[in-house]
């Protein structure tokens, strides 16, 4: 499991977040995947593991 630690470590939280979105427990205003973000013009800077390493 040395190469796939992220899947093992992040899966439980991902499941909780998806369940919260589906059941309506997540506040739509804080949902980063909300459809209205396009209409609102929400822009977030993407991250990169290679940033600063040219």
PDB file of N, CA and C in Angstrom:
ATOM      1  N   UNK A   1       0.817  -1.193   0.000  1.00  0.00           N
ATOM      2  CA  UNK A   1       0.000   0.000   0.000  1.00  0.00           C
ATOM      3  C   UNK A   1       0.861   1.256   0.000  1.00  0.00           C
ATOM      4  N   UNK A   2       2.103   1.172  -0.332  1.00  0.00           N
ATOM      5  CA  UNK A   2       2.968   2.349  -0.268  1.00  0.00           C
ATOM      6  C   UNK A   2       2.675   3.356  -1.374  1.00  0.00           C
ATOM      7  N   UNK A   3       2.159   2.922  -2.510  1.00  0.00           N
ATOM      8  CA  UNK A   3       1.931   3.845  -3.613  1.00  0.00           C
ATOM      9  C   UNK A   3       0.552   4.467  -3.640  1.00  0.00           C
ATOM     10  N   UNK A   4      -0.357   3.964  -2.828  1.00  0.00           N
ATOM     11  CA  UNK A   4      -1.743   4.419  -2.905  1.00  0.00           C
ATOM     12  C   UNK A   4      -2.257   4.918  -1.565  1.00  0.00           C
ATOM     13  N   UNK A   5      -1.405   5.533  -0.780  1.00  0.00           N
ATOM     14  CA  UNK A   5      -1.791   5.993   0.552  1.00  0.00           C
ATOM     15  C   UNK A   5      -2.904   7.022   0.493  1.00  0.00           C
ATOM     16  N   UNK A   6      -2.911   7.873  -0.529  1.00  0.00           N
ATOM     17  CA  UNK A   6      -3.915   8.943  -0.589  1.00  0.00           C
ATOM     18  C   UNK A   6      -5.316   8.363  -0.702  1.00  0.00           C
ATOM     19  N   UNK A   7      -5.488   7.327  -1.496  1.00  0.00           N
ATOM     20  CA  UNK A   7      -6.807   6.715  -1.624  1.00  0.00           C
ATOM     21  C   UNK A   7      -7.294   6.146  -0.314  1.00  0.00           C
ATOM     22  N   UNK A   8      -6.409   5.513   0.418  1.00  0.00           N
ATOM     23  CA  UNK A   8      -6.775   4.922   1.702  1.00  0.00           C
ATOM     24  C   UNK A   8      -7.050   6.010   2.731  1.00  0.00           C
ATOM     25  N   UNK A   9      -6.236   7.034   2.763  1.00  0.00           N
ATOM     26  CA  UNK A   9      -6.363   8.076   3.783  1.00  0.00           C
ATOM     27  C   UNK A   9      -7.505   9.047   3.493  1.00  0.00           C
ATOM     28  N   UNK A  10      -7.786   9.331   2.231  1.00  0.00           N
ATOM     29  CA  UNK A  10      -8.788  10.335   1.891  1.00  0.00           C
ATOM     30  C   UNK A  10     -10.177   9.761   1.646  1.00  0.00           C
ATOM     31  N   UNK A  11     -10.284   8.465   1.427  1.00  0.00           N
ATOM     32  CA  UNK A  11     -11.583   7.856   1.116  1.00  0.00           C
ATOM     33  C   UNK A  11     -12.647   8.090   2.179  1.00  0.00           C
ATOM     34  N   UNK A  12     -12.371   7.916   3.470  1.00  0.00           N
ATOM     35  CA  UNK A  12     -13.419   8.131   4.472  1.00  0.00           C
ATOM     36  C   UNK A  12     -13.962   9.562   4.460  1.00  0.00           C
ATOM     37  N   UNK A  13     -13.094  10.545   4.377  1.00  0.00           N
ATOM     38  CA  UNK A  13     -13.563  11.936   4.372  1.00  0.00           C
ATOM     39  C   UNK A  13     -14.306  12.253   3.091  1.00  0.00           C
ATOM     40  N   UNK A  14     -13.849  11.725   1.981  1.00  0.00           N
ATOM     41  CA  UNK A  14     -14.555  11.935   0.715  1.00  0.00           C
ATOM     42  C   UNK A  14     -15.964  11.376   0.794  1.00  0.00           C
ATOM     43  N   UNK A  15     -16.105  10.201   1.365  1.00  0.00           N
ATOM     44  CA  UNK A  15     -17.423   9.595   1.533  1.00  0.00           C
ATOM     45  C   UNK A  15     -18.329  10.432   2.411  1.00  0.00           C
ATOM     46  N   UNK A  16     -17.786  10.975   3.492  1.00  0.00           N
ATOM     47  CA  UNK A  16     -18.585  11.833   4.384  1.00  0.00           C
ATOM     48  C   UNK A  16     -19.051  13.095   3.665  1.00  0.00           C
ATOM     49  N   UNK A  17     -18.164  13.689   2.884  1.00  0.00           N
ATOM     50  CA  UNK A  17     -18.533  14.922   2.174  1.00  0.00           C
ATOM     51  C   UNK A  17     -19.581  14.671   1.097  1.00  0.00           C
ATOM     52  N   UNK A  18     -19.436  13.595   0.353  1.00  0.00           N
ATOM     53  CA  UNK A  18     -20.425  13.270  -0.677  1.00  0.00           C
ATOM     54  C   UNK A  18     -21.770  12.976  -0.029  1.00  0.00           C
ATOM     55  N   UNK A  19     -21.766  12.238   1.080  1.00  0.00           N
ATOM     56  CA  UNK A  19     -23.016  11.946   1.786  1.00  0.00           C
ATOM     57  C   UNK A  19     -23.661  13.233   2.292  1.00  0.00           C
ATOM     58  N   UNK A  20     -22.870  14.169   2.796  1.00  0.00           N
ATOM     59  CA  UNK A  20     -23.410  15.443   3.275  1.00  0.00           C
ATOM     60  C   UNK A  20     -24.005  16.254   2.127  1.00  0.00           C
ATOM     61  N   UNK A  21     -23.383  16.204   0.946  1.00  0.00           N
ATOM     62  CA  UNK A  21     -23.932  16.914  -0.212  1.00  0.00           C
ATOM     63  C   UNK A  21     -25.254  16.297  -0.645  1.00  0.00           C
ATOM     64  N   UNK A  22     -25.304  14.976  -0.691  1.00  0.00           N
ATOM     65  CA  UNK A  22     -26.506  14.284  -1.158  1.00  0.00           C
ATOM     66  C   UNK A  22     -27.670  14.475  -0.203  1.00  0.00           C
ATOM     67  N   UNK A  23     -27.400  14.412   1.090  1.00  0.00           N
ATOM     68  CA  UNK A  23     -28.473  14.510   2.083  1.00  0.00           C
ATOM     69  C   UNK A  23     -28.851  15.943   2.414  1.00  0.00           C
ATOM     70  N   UNK A  24     -28.112  16.912   1.885  1.00  0.00           N
ATOM     71  CA  UNK A  24     -28.430  18.314   2.138  1.00  0.00           C
ATOM     72  C   UNK A  24     -27.875  18.844   3.443  1.00  0.00           C
ATOM     73  N   UNK A  25     -27.007  18.093   4.101  1.00  0.00           N
ATOM     74  CA  UNK A  25     -26.419  18.544   5.364  1.00  0.00           C
ATOM     75  C   UNK A  25     -25.312  19.569   5.151  1.00  0.00           C
ATOM     76  N   UNK A  26     -24.725  19.588   3.955  1.00  0.00           N
ATOM     77  CA  UNK A  26     -23.680  20.563   3.654  1.00  0.00           C
ATOM     78  C   UNK A  26     -24.337  21.855   3.196  1.00  0.00           C
ATOM     79  N   UNK A  27     -23.895  22.959   3.759  1.00  0.00           N
ATOM     80  CA  UNK A  27     -24.413  24.272   3.371  1.00  0.00           C
ATOM     81  C   UNK A  27     -24.029  24.534   1.916  1.00  0.00           C
ATOM     82  N   UNK A  28     -25.016  24.791   1.049  1.00  0.00           N
ATOM     83  CA  UNK A  28     -24.708  25.020  -0.367  1.00  0.00           C
ATOM     84  C   UNK A  28     -23.701  26.142  -0.598  1.00  0.00           C
ATOM     85  N   UNK A  29     -23.677  27.137   0.270  1.00  0.00           N
ATOM     86  CA  UNK A  29     -22.749  28.254   0.089  1.00  0.00           C
ATOM     87  C   UNK A  29     -21.297  27.828   0.288  1.00  0.00           C
ATOM     88  N   UNK A  30     -21.065  26.786   1.066  1.00  0.00           N
ATOM     89  CA  UNK A  30     -19.696  26.330   1.315  1.00  0.00           C
ATOM     90  C   UNK A  30     -19.329  25.106   0.491  1.00  0.00           C
ATOM     91  N   UNK A  31     -20.243  24.652  -0.350  1.00  0.00           N
ATOM     92  CA  UNK A  31     -19.988  23.487  -1.188  1.00  0.00           C
ATOM     93  C   UNK A  31     -19.109  23.904  -2.364  1.00  0.00           C
ATOM     94  N   UNK A  32     -17.868  23.436  -2.428  1.00  0.00           N
ATOM     95  CA  UNK A  32     -16.982  23.848  -3.519  1.00  0.00           C
ATOM     96  C   UNK A  32     -17.394  23.293  -4.878  1.00  0.00           C
ATOM     97  N   UNK A  33     -18.304  22.323  -4.906  1.00  0.00           N
ATOM     98  CA  UNK A  33     -18.725  21.718  -6.168  1.00  0.00           C
ATOM     99  C   UNK A  33     -20.105  22.185  -6.613  1.00  0.00           C
ATOM    100  N   UNK A  34     -20.628  23.237  -6.000  1.00  0.00           N
ATOM    101  CA  UNK A  34     -21.977  23.704  -6.353  1.00  0.00           C
ATOM    102  C   UNK A  34     -22.003  24.215  -7.794  1.00  0.00           C
ATOM    103  N   UNK A  35     -23.094  23.950  -8.474  1.00  0.00           N
ATOM    104  CA  UNK A  35     -23.229  24.345  -9.876  1.00  0.00           C
ATOM    105  C   UNK A  35     -23.257  25.863 -10.016  1.00  0.00           C
ATOM    106  N   UNK A  36     -23.808  26.559  -9.035  1.00  0.00           N
ATOM    107  CA  UNK A  36     -23.951  28.017  -9.127  1.00  0.00           C
ATOM    108  C   UNK A  36     -22.614  28.751  -9.095  1.00  0.00           C
ATOM    109  N   UNK A  37     -21.518  28.065  -8.793  1.00  0.00           N
ATOM    110  CA  UNK A  37     -20.224  28.760  -8.730  1.00  0.00           C
ATOM    111  C   UNK A  37     -19.843  29.364 -10.072  1.00  0.00           C
ATOM    112  N   UNK A  38     -20.314  28.786 -11.161  1.00  0.00           N
ATOM    113  CA  UNK A  38     -20.022  29.344 -12.487  1.00  0.00           C
ATOM    114  C   UNK A  38     -20.754  30.664 -12.686  1.00  0.00           C
ATOM    115  N   UNK A  39     -22.015  30.704 -12.293  1.00  0.00           N
ATOM    116  CA  UNK A  39     -22.812  31.920 -12.408  1.00  0.00           C
ATOM    117  C   UNK A  39     -22.275  33.004 -11.473  1.00  0.00           C
ATOM    118  N   UNK A  40     -21.781  32.587 -10.307  1.00  0.00           N
ATOM    119  CA  UNK A  40     -21.247  33.526  -9.318  1.00  0.00           C
ATOM    120  C   UNK A  40     -19.863  34.038  -9.700  1.00  0.00           C
ATOM    121  N   UNK A  41     -19.218  33.379 -10.630  1.00  0.00           N
ATOM    122  CA  UNK A  41     -17.880  33.794 -11.046  1.00  0.00           C
ATOM    123  C   UNK A  41     -16.802  33.430 -10.043  1.00  0.00           C
ATOM    124  N   UNK A  42     -17.041  32.379  -9.265  1.00  0.00           N
ATOM    125  CA  UNK A  42     -16.066  31.954  -8.267  1.00  0.00           C
ATOM    126  C   UNK A  42     -14.848  31.363  -8.969  1.00  0.00           C
ATOM    127  N   UNK A  43     -13.692  31.894  -8.638  1.00  0.00           N
ATOM    128  CA  UNK A  43     -12.444  31.406  -9.220  1.00  0.00           C
ATOM    129  C   UNK A  43     -11.502  31.070  -8.076  1.00  0.00           C
ATOM    130  N   UNK A  44     -10.934  29.887  -8.125  1.00  0.00           N
ATOM    131  CA  UNK A  44      -9.945  29.508  -7.121  1.00  0.00           C
ATOM    132  C   UNK A  44      -8.651  29.158  -7.831  1.00  0.00           C
ATOM    133  N   UNK A  45      -7.569  29.553  -7.237  1.00  0.00           N
ATOM    134  CA  UNK A  45      -6.264  29.253  -7.820  1.00  0.00           C
ATOM    135  C   UNK A  45      -5.962  27.782  -7.620  1.00  0.00           C
ATOM    136  N   UNK A  46      -5.571  27.131  -8.674  1.00  0.00           N
ATOM    137  CA  UNK A  46      -5.211  25.726  -8.578  1.00  0.00           C
ATOM    138  C   UNK A  46      -3.843  25.562  -7.952  1.00  0.00           C
ATOM    139  N   UNK A  47      -3.672  24.480  -7.249  1.00  0.00           N
ATOM    140  CA  UNK A  47      -2.382  24.194  -6.646  1.00  0.00           C
ATOM    141  C   UNK A  47      -1.604  23.218  -7.505  1.00  0.00           C
ATOM    142  N   UNK A  48      -0.348  23.158  -7.269  1.00  0.00           N
ATOM    143  CA  UNK A  48       0.484  22.220  -8.008  1.00  0.00           C
ATOM    144  C   UNK A  48       1.617  21.756  -7.113  1.00  0.00           C
ATOM    145  N   UNK A  49       1.908  20.490  -7.210  1.00  0.00           N
ATOM    146  CA  UNK A  49       3.052  19.972  -6.471  1.00  0.00           C
ATOM    147  C   UNK A  49       4.359  20.499  -7.041  1.00  0.00           C
ATOM    148  N   UNK A  50       4.314  20.961  -8.281  1.00  0.00           N
ATOM    149  CA  UNK A  50       5.528  21.413  -8.947  1.00  0.00           C
ATOM    150  C   UNK A  50       5.697  22.922  -8.928  1.00  0.00           C
ATOM    151  N   UNK A  51       4.822  23.629  -8.228  1.00  0.00           N
ATOM    152  CA  UNK A  51       4.902  25.086  -8.200  1.00  0.00           C
ATOM    153  C   UNK A  51       6.262  25.523  -7.649  1.00  0.00           C
ATOM    154  N   UNK A  52       6.899  26.397  -8.355  1.00  0.00           N
ATOM    155  CA  UNK A  52       8.182  26.928  -7.918  1.00  0.00           C
ATOM    156  C   UNK A  52       9.375  26.047  -8.276  1.00  0.00           C
ATOM    157  N   UNK A  53       9.113  24.932  -8.913  1.00  0.00           N
ATOM    158  CA  UNK A  53      10.189  24.031  -9.314  1.00  0.00           C
ATOM    159  C   UNK A  53      10.213  23.948 -10.834  1.00  0.00           C
ATOM    160  N   UNK A  54      10.892  24.884 -11.464  1.00  0.00           N
ATOM    161  CA  UNK A  54      10.913  24.940 -12.934  1.00  0.00           C
ATOM    162  C   UNK A  54      12.039  24.122 -13.478  1.00  0.00           C
TER     163      UNK A  54
END
